[in-house]
Amino acid sequence: MVVLGLILLLIGLLAGINILFVIGIVLIIVGLVLNFVPIGGTRRRYY
């Protein structure tokens, strides 16, 4: 999800489309949150 967010962010910047830029930022944030928050009781730890 983070990679897709980066791709949309770059396309939004290069093409000048603001909605792609915003969607890219949201996907990056959501992807990072889902990566660092354990879901389903898993004990993944990232330091």
PDB file of N, CA and C in Angstrom:
ATOM      1  N   MET A   1       0.826  -1.182   0.000  1.00  0.00           N
ATOM      2  CA  MET A   1       0.000   0.000   0.000  1.00  0.00           C
ATOM      3  C   MET A   1       0.871   1.246   0.000  1.00  0.00           C
ATOM      4  N   VAL A   2       1.995   1.158   0.659  1.00  0.00           N
ATOM      5  CA  VAL A   2       2.911   2.305   0.694  1.00  0.00           C
ATOM      6  C   VAL A   2       3.484   2.557  -0.696  1.00  0.00           C
ATOM      7  N   VAL A   3       3.814   1.481  -1.411  1.00  0.00           N
ATOM      8  CA  VAL A   3       4.375   1.631  -2.760  1.00  0.00           C
ATOM      9  C   VAL A   3       3.343   2.248  -3.696  1.00  0.00           C
ATOM     10  N   LEU A   4       2.091   1.798  -3.603  1.00  0.00           N
ATOM     11  CA  LEU A   4       1.027   2.381  -4.423  1.00  0.00           C
ATOM     12  C   LEU A   4       0.842   3.854  -4.089  1.00  0.00           C
ATOM     13  N   GLY A   5       0.933   4.197  -2.822  1.00  0.00           N
ATOM     14  CA  GLY A   5       0.833   5.594  -2.418  1.00  0.00           C
ATOM     15  C   GLY A   5       1.955   6.444  -2.985  1.00  0.00           C
ATOM     16  N   LEU A   6       3.174   5.896  -2.996  1.00  0.00           N
ATOM     17  CA  LEU A   6       4.299   6.635  -3.577  1.00  0.00           C
ATOM     18  C   LEU A   6       4.125   6.839  -5.077  1.00  0.00           C
ATOM     19  N   ILE A   7       3.626   5.799  -5.756  1.00  0.00           N
ATOM     20  CA  ILE A   7       3.407   5.909  -7.204  1.00  0.00           C
ATOM     21  C   ILE A   7       2.366   6.982  -7.504  1.00  0.00           C
ATOM     22  N   LEU A   8       1.240   6.948  -6.777  1.00  0.00           N
ATOM     23  CA  LEU A   8       0.201   7.960  -6.996  1.00  0.00           C
ATOM     24  C   LEU A   8       0.693   9.347  -6.629  1.00  0.00           C
ATOM     25  N   LEU A   9       1.520   9.437  -5.586  1.00  0.00           N
ATOM     26  CA  LEU A   9       2.074  10.721  -5.181  1.00  0.00           C
ATOM     27  C   LEU A   9       2.945  11.304  -6.293  1.00  0.00           C
ATOM     28  N   LEU A  10       3.797  10.475  -6.884  1.00  0.00           N
ATOM     29  CA  LEU A  10       4.665  10.943  -7.954  1.00  0.00           C
ATOM     30  C   LEU A  10       3.875  11.314  -9.202  1.00  0.00           C
ATOM     31  N   ILE A  11       2.883  10.490  -9.550  1.00  0.00           N
ATOM     32  CA  ILE A  11       2.061  10.810 -10.716  1.00  0.00           C
ATOM     33  C   ILE A  11       1.306  12.118 -10.486  1.00  0.00           C
ATOM     34  N   GLY A  12       0.784  12.290  -9.275  1.00  0.00           N
ATOM     35  CA  GLY A  12       0.071  13.529  -8.964  1.00  0.00           C
ATOM     36  C   GLY A  12       0.968  14.750  -9.038  1.00  0.00           C
ATOM     37  N   LEU A  13       2.209  14.599  -8.589  1.00  0.00           N
ATOM     38  CA  LEU A  13       3.135  15.730  -8.658  1.00  0.00           C
ATOM     39  C   LEU A  13       3.539  16.049 -10.096  1.00  0.00           C
ATOM     40  N   LEU A  14       3.854  15.000 -10.859  1.00  0.00           N
ATOM     41  CA  LEU A  14       4.339  15.227 -12.220  1.00  0.00           C
ATOM     42  C   LEU A  14       3.235  15.702 -13.157  1.00  0.00           C
ATOM     43  N   ALA A  15       2.022  15.164 -12.987  1.00  0.00           N
ATOM     44  CA  ALA A  15       0.924  15.529 -13.879  1.00  0.00           C
ATOM     45  C   ALA A  15       0.167  16.758 -13.378  1.00  0.00           C
ATOM     46  N   GLY A  16       0.389  17.146 -12.147  1.00  0.00           N
ATOM     47  CA  GLY A  16      -0.293  18.316 -11.605  1.00  0.00           C
ATOM     48  C   GLY A  16      -1.729  18.027 -11.207  1.00  0.00           C
ATOM     49  N   ILE A  17      -2.028  16.772 -10.898  1.00  0.00           N
ATOM     50  CA  ILE A  17      -3.384  16.392 -10.494  1.00  0.00           C
ATOM     51  C   ILE A  17      -3.398  16.303  -8.974  1.00  0.00           C
ATOM     52  N   ASN A  18      -4.115  17.228  -8.351  1.00  0.00           N
ATOM     53  CA  ASN A  18      -4.076  17.316  -6.893  1.00  0.00           C
ATOM     54  C   ASN A  18      -4.743  16.140  -6.210  1.00  0.00           C
ATOM     55  N   ILE A  19      -5.793  15.581  -6.801  1.00  0.00           N
ATOM     56  CA  ILE A  19      -6.509  14.495  -6.136  1.00  0.00           C
ATOM     57  C   ILE A  19      -5.623  13.250  -6.031  1.00  0.00           C
ATOM     58  N   LEU A  20      -4.794  12.988  -7.048  1.00  0.00           N
ATOM     59  CA  LEU A  20      -3.865  11.862  -6.962  1.00  0.00           C
ATOM     60  C   LEU A  20      -2.813  12.098  -5.893  1.00  0.00           C
ATOM     61  N   PHE A  21      -2.398  13.339  -5.753  1.00  0.00           N
ATOM     62  CA  PHE A  21      -1.429  13.700  -4.722  1.00  0.00           C
ATOM     63  C   PHE A  21      -2.004  13.431  -3.336  1.00  0.00           C
ATOM     64  N   VAL A  22      -3.243  13.835  -3.116  1.00  0.00           N
ATOM     65  CA  VAL A  22      -3.891  13.643  -1.814  1.00  0.00           C
ATOM     66  C   VAL A  22      -4.124  12.160  -1.542  1.00  0.00           C
ATOM     67  N   ILE A  23      -4.591  11.414  -2.551  1.00  0.00           N
ATOM     68  CA  ILE A  23      -4.818   9.983  -2.379  1.00  0.00           C
ATOM     69  C   ILE A  23      -3.497   9.275  -2.076  1.00  0.00           C
ATOM     70  N   GLY A  24      -2.422   9.696  -2.716  1.00  0.00           N
ATOM     71  CA  GLY A  24      -1.105   9.111  -2.455  1.00  0.00           C
ATOM     72  C   GLY A  24      -0.655   9.331  -1.026  1.00  0.00           C
ATOM     73  N   ILE A  25      -0.866  10.528  -0.506  1.00  0.00           N
ATOM     74  CA  ILE A  25      -0.488  10.817   0.878  1.00  0.00           C
ATOM     75  C   ILE A  25      -1.309   9.971   1.840  1.00  0.00           C
ATOM     76  N   VAL A  26      -2.617   9.858   1.581  1.00  0.00           N
ATOM     77  CA  VAL A  26      -3.488   9.071   2.457  1.00  0.00           C
ATOM     78  C   VAL A  26      -3.071   7.601   2.441  1.00  0.00           C
ATOM     79  N   LEU A  27      -2.766   7.059   1.261  1.00  0.00           N
ATOM     80  CA  LEU A  27      -2.361   5.657   1.172  1.00  0.00           C
ATOM     81  C   LEU A  27      -1.039   5.402   1.893  1.00  0.00           C
ATOM     82  N   ILE A  28      -0.115   6.340   1.806  1.00  0.00           N
ATOM     83  CA  ILE A  28       1.160   6.184   2.509  1.00  0.00           C
ATOM     84  C   ILE A  28       0.930   6.164   4.017  1.00  0.00           C
ATOM     85  N   ILE A  29       0.102   7.070   4.521  1.00  0.00           N
ATOM     86  CA  ILE A  29      -0.159   7.121   5.957  1.00  0.00           C
ATOM     87  C   ILE A  29      -0.863   5.860   6.430  1.00  0.00           C
ATOM     88  N   VAL A  30      -1.906   5.435   5.687  1.00  0.00           N
ATOM     89  CA  VAL A  30      -2.645   4.230   6.076  1.00  0.00           C
ATOM     90  C   VAL A  30      -1.739   3.000   6.004  1.00  0.00           C
ATOM     91  N   GLY A  31      -0.911   2.911   4.979  1.00  0.00           N
ATOM     92  CA  GLY A  31      -0.001   1.779   4.853  1.00  0.00           C
ATOM     93  C   GLY A  31       0.998   1.708   5.985  1.00  0.00           C
ATOM     94  N   LEU A  32       1.531   2.847   6.399  1.00  0.00           N
ATOM     95  CA  LEU A  32       2.480   2.849   7.515  1.00  0.00           C
ATOM     96  C   LEU A  32       1.801   2.498   8.829  1.00  0.00           C
ATOM     97  N   VAL A  33       0.591   3.002   9.042  1.00  0.00           N
ATOM     98  CA  VAL A  33      -0.133   2.673  10.276  1.00  0.00           C
ATOM     99  C   VAL A  33      -0.434   1.189  10.328  1.00  0.00           C
ATOM    100  N   LEU A  34      -0.907   0.618   9.224  1.00  0.00           N
ATOM    101  CA  LEU A  34      -1.220  -0.806   9.205  1.00  0.00           C
ATOM    102  C   LEU A  34       0.031  -1.665   9.343  1.00  0.00           C
ATOM    103  N   ASN A  35       1.164  -1.145   8.915  1.00  0.00           N
ATOM    104  CA  ASN A  35       2.410  -1.893   9.023  1.00  0.00           C
ATOM    105  C   ASN A  35       2.912  -1.932  10.468  1.00  0.00           C
ATOM    106  N   PHE A  36       2.727  -0.855  11.213  1.00  0.00           N
ATOM    107  CA  PHE A  36       3.290  -0.777  12.549  1.00  0.00           C
ATOM    108  C   PHE A  36       2.319  -1.186  13.652  1.00  0.00           C
ATOM    109  N   VAL A  37       1.026  -1.315  13.344  1.00  0.00           N
ATOM    110  CA  VAL A  37       0.042  -1.708  14.350  1.00  0.00           C
ATOM    111  C   VAL A  37      -0.256  -3.187  14.163  1.00  0.00           C
ATOM    112  N   PRO A  38      -0.044  -3.994  15.201  1.00  0.00           N
ATOM    113  CA  PRO A  38      -0.336  -5.426  15.063  1.00  0.00           C
ATOM    114  C   PRO A  38      -1.841  -5.683  14.967  1.00  0.00           C
ATOM    115  N   ILE A  39      -2.236  -6.476  13.986  1.00  0.00           N
ATOM    116  CA  ILE A  39      -3.646  -6.791  13.751  1.00  0.00           C
ATOM    117  C   ILE A  39      -3.856  -8.275  14.004  1.00  0.00           C
ATOM    118  N   GLY A  40      -4.915  -8.602  14.706  1.00  0.00           N
ATOM    119  CA  GLY A  40      -5.236  -9.992  14.944  1.00  0.00           C
ATOM    120  C   GLY A  40      -4.413 -10.624  16.041  1.00  0.00           C
ATOM    121  N   GLY A  41      -3.834  -9.821  16.919  1.00  0.00           N
ATOM    122  CA  GLY A  41      -3.094 -10.365  18.036  1.00  0.00           C
ATOM    123  C   GLY A  41      -1.673 -10.786  17.703  1.00  0.00           C
ATOM    124  N   THR A  42      -1.192 -10.465  16.511  1.00  0.00           N
ATOM    125  CA  THR A  42       0.189 -10.819  16.192  1.00  0.00           C
ATOM    126  C   THR A  42       1.125  -9.934  16.999  1.00  0.00           C
ATOM    127  N   ARG A  43       2.296 -10.453  17.298  1.00  0.00           N
ATOM    128  CA  ARG A  43       3.240  -9.711  18.119  1.00  0.00           C
ATOM    129  C   ARG A  43       4.430  -9.251  17.286  1.00  0.00           C
ATOM    130  N   ARG A  44       4.119  -8.596  16.152  1.00  0.00           N
ATOM    131  CA  ARG A  44       5.204  -8.029  15.347  1.00  0.00           C
ATOM    132  C   ARG A  44       5.697  -6.754  16.023  1.00  0.00           C
ATOM    133  N   ARG A  45       6.980  -6.630  16.130  1.00  0.00           N
ATOM    134  CA  ARG A  45       7.565  -5.431  16.734  1.00  0.00           C
ATOM    135  C   ARG A  45       8.578  -4.851  15.756  1.00  0.00           C
ATOM    136  N   TYR A  46       8.465  -3.559  15.498  1.00  0.00           N
ATOM    137  CA  TYR A  46       9.423  -2.864  14.645  1.00  0.00           C
ATOM    138  C   TYR A  46      10.059  -1.753  15.469  1.00  0.00           C
ATOM    139  N   TYR A  47      11.374  -1.743  15.526  1.00  0.00           N
ATOM    140  CA  TYR A  47      12.073  -0.722  16.277  1.00  0.00           C
ATOM    141  C   TYR A  47      12.924   0.097  15.351  1.00  0.00           C
TER     142      TYR A  47
END
